[in-house]
C-alpha atoms as a PDB file:
ATOM      1  CA  MET A   1     181.384-161.867  15.186  1.00  0.00           C
ATOM      2  CA  PRO A   2     183.755-162.017  18.572  1.00  0.00           C
ATOM      3  CA  VAL A   3     180.752-162.075  20.343  1.00  0.00           C
ATOM      4  CA  ARG A   4     179.945-165.592  18.451  1.00  0.00           C
ATOM      5  CA  ARG A   5     182.938-167.030  19.304  1.00  0.00           C
ATOM      6  CA  LEU A   6     183.060-166.015  23.167  1.00  0.00           C
ATOM      7  CA  LEU A   7     179.677-167.291  23.507  1.00  0.00           C
ATOM      8  CA  PRO A   8     180.316-171.345  22.938  1.00  0.00           C
ATOM      9  CA  VAL A   9     183.763-170.417  24.996  1.00  0.00           C
ATOM     10  CA  ALA A  10     181.336-169.080  28.040  1.00  0.00           C
ATOM     11  CA  LEU A  11     178.783-171.801  27.687  1.00  0.00           C
ATOM     12  CA  LEU A  12     181.525-174.502  27.909  1.00  0.00           C
ATOM     13  CA  ALA A  13     182.859-172.791  31.216  1.00  0.00           C
ATOM     14  CA  LEU A  14     179.617-172.727  32.478  1.00  0.00           C
ATOM     15  CA  THR A  15     178.998-176.272  31.640  1.00  0.00           C
ATOM     16  CA  VAL A  16     182.299-177.439  33.291  1.00  0.00           C
ATOM     17  CA  THR A  17     181.554-175.441  36.529  1.00  0.00           C
ATOM     18  CA  ALA A  18     178.076-176.788  36.871  1.00  0.00           C
ATOM     19  CA  CYS A  19     179.249-180.288  36.717  1.00  0.00           C
ATOM     20  CA  THR A  20     182.335-180.004  38.855  1.00  0.00           C
ATOM     21  CA  SER A  21     181.396-181.188  42.713  1.00  0.00           C
ATOM     22  CA  ALA A  22     183.243-179.724  45.701  1.00  0.00           C
ATOM     23  CA  PRO A  23     183.180-182.360  48.169  1.00  0.00           C
ATOM     24  CA  THR A  24     180.147-182.924  49.674  1.00  0.00           C
ATOM     25  CA  GLN A  25     179.539-181.897  53.154  1.00  0.00           C
ATOM     26  CA  SER A  26     177.332-182.784  55.881  1.00  0.00           C
ATOM     27  CA  ARG A  27     174.523-180.103  55.974  1.00  0.00           C
ATOM     28  CA  PRO A  28     172.617-179.560  59.272  1.00  0.00           C
ATOM     29  CA  THR A  29     169.384-180.399  59.314  1.00  0.00           C
ATOM     30  CA  PRO A  30     166.498-177.678  59.917  1.00  0.00           C
ATOM     31  CA  THR A  31     164.450-178.664  63.009  1.00  0.00           C
ATOM     32  CA  PRO A  32     160.389-177.745  63.135  1.00  0.00           C
ATOM     33  CA  THR A  33     161.496-174.525  65.547  1.00  0.00           C
ATOM     34  CA  GLY A  34     163.826-173.224  61.985  1.00  0.00           C
ATOM     35  CA  ARG A  35     166.701-174.242  64.586  1.00  0.00           C
ATOM     36  CA  THR A  36     169.671-175.902  62.508  1.00  0.00           C
ATOM     37  CA  TRP A  37     171.730-179.009  63.920  1.00  0.00           C
ATOM     38  CA  THR A  38     174.829-180.023  62.780  1.00  0.00           C
ATOM     39  CA  PRO A  39     175.062-183.783  62.182  1.00  0.00           C
ATOM     40  CA  ALA A  40     177.157-184.013  65.575  1.00  0.00           C
ATOM     41  CA  GLU A  41     174.761-181.812  67.241  1.00  0.00           C
ATOM     42  CA  GLN A  42     171.850-184.210  66.318  1.00  0.00           C
ATOM     43  CA  SER A  43     173.933-187.051  67.730  1.00  0.00           C
ATOM     44  CA  ALA A  44     173.911-185.918  70.939  1.00  0.00           C
ATOM     45  CA  THR A  45     170.775-184.801  70.976  1.00  0.00           C
ATOM     46  CA  ALA A  46     169.600-188.482  70.194  1.00  0.00           C
ATOM     47  CA  GLU A  47     171.629-190.365  72.827  1.00  0.00           C
ATOM     48  CA  ALA A  48     170.670-187.448  75.454  1.00  0.00           C
ATOM     49  CA  THR A  49     166.920-187.997  73.978  1.00  0.00           C
ATOM     50  CA  ALA A  50     167.356-191.805  74.997  1.00  0.00           C
ATOM     51  CA  GLN A  51     169.232-191.138  78.119  1.00  0.00           C
ATOM     52  CA  TYR A  52     166.441-188.892  79.102  1.00  0.00           C
ATOM     53  CA  LYS A  53     164.068-191.601  78.406  1.00  0.00           C
ATOM     54  CA  GLU A  54     165.966-193.990  80.699  1.00  0.00           C
ATOM     55  CA  SER A  55     166.378-191.827  83.806  1.00  0.00           C
ATOM     56  CA  ARG A  56     162.736-190.841  83.587  1.00  0.00           C
ATOM     57  CA  ALA A  57     161.629-194.628  83.907  1.00  0.00           C
ATOM     58  CA  ALA A  58     164.081-195.480  86.562  1.00  0.00           C
ATOM     59  CA  TYR A  59     162.800-192.444  88.833  1.00  0.00           C
ATOM     60  CA  ASP A  60     159.332-193.835  88.376  1.00  0.00           C
ATOM     61  CA  ALA A  61     160.358-197.037  89.308  1.00  0.00           C
ATOM     62  CA  ALA A  62     161.974-195.567  92.096  1.00  0.00           C
ATOM     63  CA  LEU A  63     159.246-193.792  93.534  1.00  0.00           C
ATOM     64  CA  ASN A  64     156.839-197.030  92.621  1.00  0.00           C
ATOM     65  CA  ASN A  65     159.286-199.235  94.920  1.00  0.00           C
ATOM     66  CA  PRO A  66     161.253-197.031  97.098  1.00  0.00           C
ATOM     67  CA  ILE A  67     162.368-199.660  99.332  1.00  0.00           C
ATOM     68  CA  LYS A  68     164.667-200.850  96.104  1.00  0.00           C
ATOM     69  CA  ALA A  69     165.519-197.372  95.116  1.00  0.00           C
ATOM     70  CA  THR A  70     169.413-196.691  96.138  1.00  0.00           C
ATOM     71  CA  ARG A  71     171.315-193.877  95.157  1.00  0.00           C
ATOM     72  CA  ALA A  72     173.786-195.949  93.111  1.00  0.00           C
ATOM     73  CA  THR A  73     170.701-197.420  91.026  1.00  0.00           C
ATOM     74  CA  LEU A  74     169.677-194.010  90.286  1.00  0.00           C
ATOM     75  CA  GLU A  75     173.187-192.969  89.059  1.00  0.00           C
ATOM     76  CA  SER A  76     173.543-196.129  87.219  1.00  0.00           C
ATOM     77  CA  ALA A  77     170.609-195.108  85.258  1.00  0.00           C
ATOM     78  CA  GLY A  78     172.005-191.902  84.344  1.00  0.00           C
ATOM     79  CA  MET A  79     171.032-189.448  87.169  1.00  0.00           C
ATOM     80  CA  SER A  80     173.288-186.567  88.331  1.00  0.00           C
ATOM     81  CA  GLY A  81     173.282-183.535  90.072  1.00  0.00           C
ATOM     82  CA  VAL A  82     170.199-181.854  91.348  1.00  0.00           C
ATOM     83  CA  TRP A  83     168.116-184.512  89.565  1.00  0.00           C
ATOM     84  CA  LEU A  84     169.525-187.330  91.662  1.00  0.00           C
ATOM     85  CA  ASP A  85     169.334-185.348  94.596  1.00  0.00           C
ATOM     86  CA  ASP A  86     165.892-184.757  94.195  1.00  0.00           C
ATOM     87  CA  ALA A  87     164.988-188.134  93.200  1.00  0.00           C
ATOM     88  CA  VAL A  88     166.901-189.829  96.395  1.00  0.00           C
ATOM     89  CA  ALA A  89     165.252-187.619  98.884  1.00  0.00           C
ATOM     90  CA  LYS A  90     161.713-188.099  97.396  1.00  0.00           C
ATOM     91  CA  ALA A  91     162.424-191.985  97.506  1.00  0.00           C
ATOM     92  CA  ASN A  92     163.538-191.800 100.840  1.00  0.00           C
ATOM     93  CA  ASP A  93     160.477-189.961 102.107  1.00  0.00           C
ATOM     94  CA  PHE A  94     158.346-192.281 100.440  1.00  0.00           C
ATOM     95  CA  ARG A  95     160.209-195.253 102.504  1.00  0.00           C
ATOM     96  CA  ALA A  96     160.062-193.270 105.423  1.00  0.00           C
ATOM     97  CA  ARG A  97     156.432-192.855 105.026  1.00  0.00           C
ATOM     98  CA  ASN A  98     155.920-196.297 103.961  1.00  0.00           C
ATOM     99  CA  THR A  99     154.080-195.411 100.837  1.00  0.00           C
ATOM    100  CA  ARG A 100     154.883-195.367  97.293  1.00  0.00           C
ATOM    101  CA  ARG A 101     153.519-193.575  93.962  1.00  0.00           C
ATOM    102  CA  VAL A 102     151.536-195.941  91.526  1.00  0.00           C
ATOM    103  CA  GLY A 103     151.771-194.789  87.679  1.00  0.00           C
ATOM    104  CA  ALA A 104     154.106-193.526  85.736  1.00  0.00           C
ATOM    105  CA  VAL A 105     154.728-190.227  83.994  1.00  0.00           C
ATOM    106  CA  LYS A 106     154.554-190.534  80.237  1.00  0.00           C
ATOM    107  CA  ILE A 107     156.822-188.561  77.653  1.00  0.00           C
ATOM    108  CA  LEU A 108     154.284-187.163  74.761  1.00  0.00           C
ATOM    109  CA  SER A 109     157.393-185.102  73.169  1.00  0.00           C
ATOM    110  CA  THR A 110     161.130-183.904  73.238  1.00  0.00           C
ATOM    111  CA  GLU A 111     162.636-181.418  71.040  1.00  0.00           C
ATOM    112  CA  PRO A 112     166.306-179.955  71.593  1.00  0.00           C
ATOM    113  CA  ILE A 113     166.499-176.232  72.249  1.00  0.00           C
ATOM    114  CA  TRP A 114     169.891-175.758  73.088  1.00  0.00           C
ATOM    115  CA  VAL A 115     172.945-178.047  72.754  1.00  0.00           C
ATOM    116  CA  ASP A 116     176.243-177.345  73.405  1.00  0.00           C
ATOM    117  CA  LEU A 117     179.262-179.743  72.186  1.00  0.00           C
ATOM    118  CA  THR A 118     182.254-177.023  72.453  1.00  0.00           C
ATOM    119  CA  ALA A 119     181.916-176.656  76.385  1.00  0.00           C
ATOM    120  CA  PRO A 120     183.999-178.196  78.694  1.00  0.00           C
ATOM    121  CA  THR A 121     181.077-180.634  79.806  1.00  0.00           C
ATOM    122  CA  PRO A 122     178.670-180.754  76.793  1.00  0.00           C
ATOM    123  CA  ALA A 123     175.055-180.226  77.280  1.00  0.00           C
ATOM    124  CA  VAL A 124     171.720-180.315  75.723  1.00  0.00           C
ATOM    125  CA  VAL A 125     168.604-178.974  76.879  1.00  0.00           C
ATOM    126  CA  LEU A 126     165.280-180.430  75.949  1.00  0.00           C
ATOM    127  CA  LYS A 127     162.057-179.452  75.736  1.00  0.00           C
ATOM    128  CA  THR A 128     159.529-181.878  77.073  1.00  0.00           C
ATOM    129  CA  CYS A 129     155.811-182.040  77.479  1.00  0.00           C
ATOM    130  CA  LEU A 130     155.029-184.664  79.817  1.00  0.00           C
ATOM    131  CA  ASP A 131     151.850-186.227  81.204  1.00  0.00           C
ATOM    132  CA  TYR A 132     151.099-187.149  84.567  1.00  0.00           C
ATOM    133  CA  SER A 133     147.369-188.416  84.015  1.00  0.00           C
ATOM    134  CA  SER A 134     148.681-192.242  84.654  1.00  0.00           C
ATOM    135  CA  VAL A 135     149.919-191.538  88.258  1.00  0.00           C
ATOM    136  CA  ALA A 136     147.523-191.891  90.789  1.00  0.00           C
ATOM    137  CA  ASP A 137     148.108-189.133  93.009  1.00  0.00           C
ATOM    138  CA  HIS A 138     148.339-186.387  90.393  1.00  0.00           C
ATOM    139  CA  ASP A 139     147.047-183.033  90.795  1.00  0.00           C
ATOM    140  CA  PRO A 140     144.450-182.491  88.377  1.00  0.00           C
ATOM    141  CA  GLY A 141     145.757-179.023  87.619  1.00  0.00           C
ATOM    142  CA  THR A 142     149.168-180.271  86.191  1.00  0.00           C
ATOM    143  CA  VAL A 143     147.916-183.085  83.963  1.00  0.00           C
ATOM    144  CA  ARG A 144     150.629-181.778  81.408  1.00  0.00           C
ATOM    145  CA  ARG A 145     153.543-179.904  81.968  1.00  0.00           C
ATOM    146  CA  LEU A 146     156.095-178.497  79.885  1.00  0.00           C
ATOM    147  CA  VAL A 147     159.763-178.493  80.942  1.00  0.00           C
ATOM    148  CA  ASP A 148     163.224-178.202  80.128  1.00  0.00           C
ATOM    149  CA  ALA A 149     165.315-181.265  80.601  1.00  0.00           C
ATOM    150  CA  ARG A 150     169.373-180.557  81.061  1.00  0.00           C
ATOM    151  CA  LEU A 151     171.587-183.392  80.179  1.00  0.00           C
ATOM    152  CA  LEU A 152     175.276-183.271  80.549  1.00  0.00           C
ATOM    153  CA  ARG A 153     177.778-185.420  78.899  1.00  0.00           C
ATOM    154  CA  LEU A 154     179.906-186.802  81.721  1.00  0.00           C
ATOM    155  CA  PRO A 155     182.685-189.649  81.512  1.00  0.00           C
ATOM    156  CA  THR A 156     180.456-192.327  82.004  1.00  0.00           C
ATOM    157  CA  GLY A 157     177.967-191.076  79.392  1.00  0.00           C
ATOM    158  CA  TRP A 158     174.881-188.826  79.207  1.00  0.00           C
ATOM    159  CA  SER A 159     173.508-187.501  82.507  1.00  0.00           C
ATOM    160  CA  LEU A 160     170.310-186.162  83.669  1.00  0.00           C
ATOM    161  CA  THR A 161     171.277-183.248  86.039  1.00  0.00           C
ATOM    162  CA  ALA A 162     167.825-181.210  86.078  1.00  0.00           C
ATOM    163  CA  GLU A 163     164.579-180.785  85.149  1.00  0.00           C
ATOM    164  CA  SER A 164     162.424-177.547  85.614  1.00  0.00           C
ATOM    165  CA  GLU A 165     159.567-175.633  84.613  1.00  0.00           C
ATOM    166  CA  SER A 166     160.734-173.169  81.731  1.00  0.00           C
ATOM    167  CA  PRO A 167     158.917-169.856  81.514  1.00  0.00           C
ATOM    168  CA  ASP A 168     161.305-168.912  78.673  1.00  0.00           C
ATOM    169  CA  THR A 169     159.374-172.301  76.543  1.00  0.00           C
ATOM    170  CA  ALA A 170     156.258-172.522  78.196  1.00  0.00           C
ATOM    171  CA  GLN A 171     153.219-172.085  75.994  1.00  0.00           C
ATOM    172  CA  ALA A 172     150.248-170.048  77.187  1.00  0.00           C
ATOM    173  CA  PRO A 173     147.324-172.233  78.357  1.00  0.00           C
ATOM    174  CA  THR A 174     144.655-172.313  75.965  1.00  0.00           C
ATOM    175  CA  PRO A 175     141.178-172.763  77.679  1.00  0.00           C
ATOM    176  CA  GLY A 176     140.013-176.600  76.898  1.00  0.00           C
ATOM    177  CA  LYS A 177     143.275-177.120  75.302  1.00  0.00           C
ATOM    178  CA  PRO A 178     146.192-179.141  76.782  1.00  0.00           C
ATOM    179  CA  LEU A 179     149.516-177.157  77.597  1.00  0.00           C
ATOM    180  CA  CYS A 180     151.339-179.142  75.521  1.00  0.00           C
END
């Protein structure tokens, strides 16, 4: 008989425990790659991705019209570091040769592969698939490229500092199938 008396008490304790909820905390959201990002990391990634697209568009505009391209314009479009230096050098080269590029690179996809908001300068790295097919003088062998875009959060906001080929995240080419 003592077991029968304990059973309702145990059920009541279980019910109270199940109905009592702990304060809700925002939970990280899993990504397609299985990596889980916190809400703060997701927000940083969204901001960095938007800035990356803006910086890429400014880069294309600078090469399409190098006469108007200035370092200040490119900096105000969110470029810095090696990426800014390379963009200015390329625009200067086009201007000196009295030439320009026709077309723009399309960003087919971006995916965060690394986010560090605890560093002295927070950073996001995006694995990005770029399509060069709309660029008039593109190399036929490199219609699509998979790159890592590195953005840092500077006092002025997110800034594209580098874009590099990434053997760590590159996909092996499949005959007859695009790289990314």
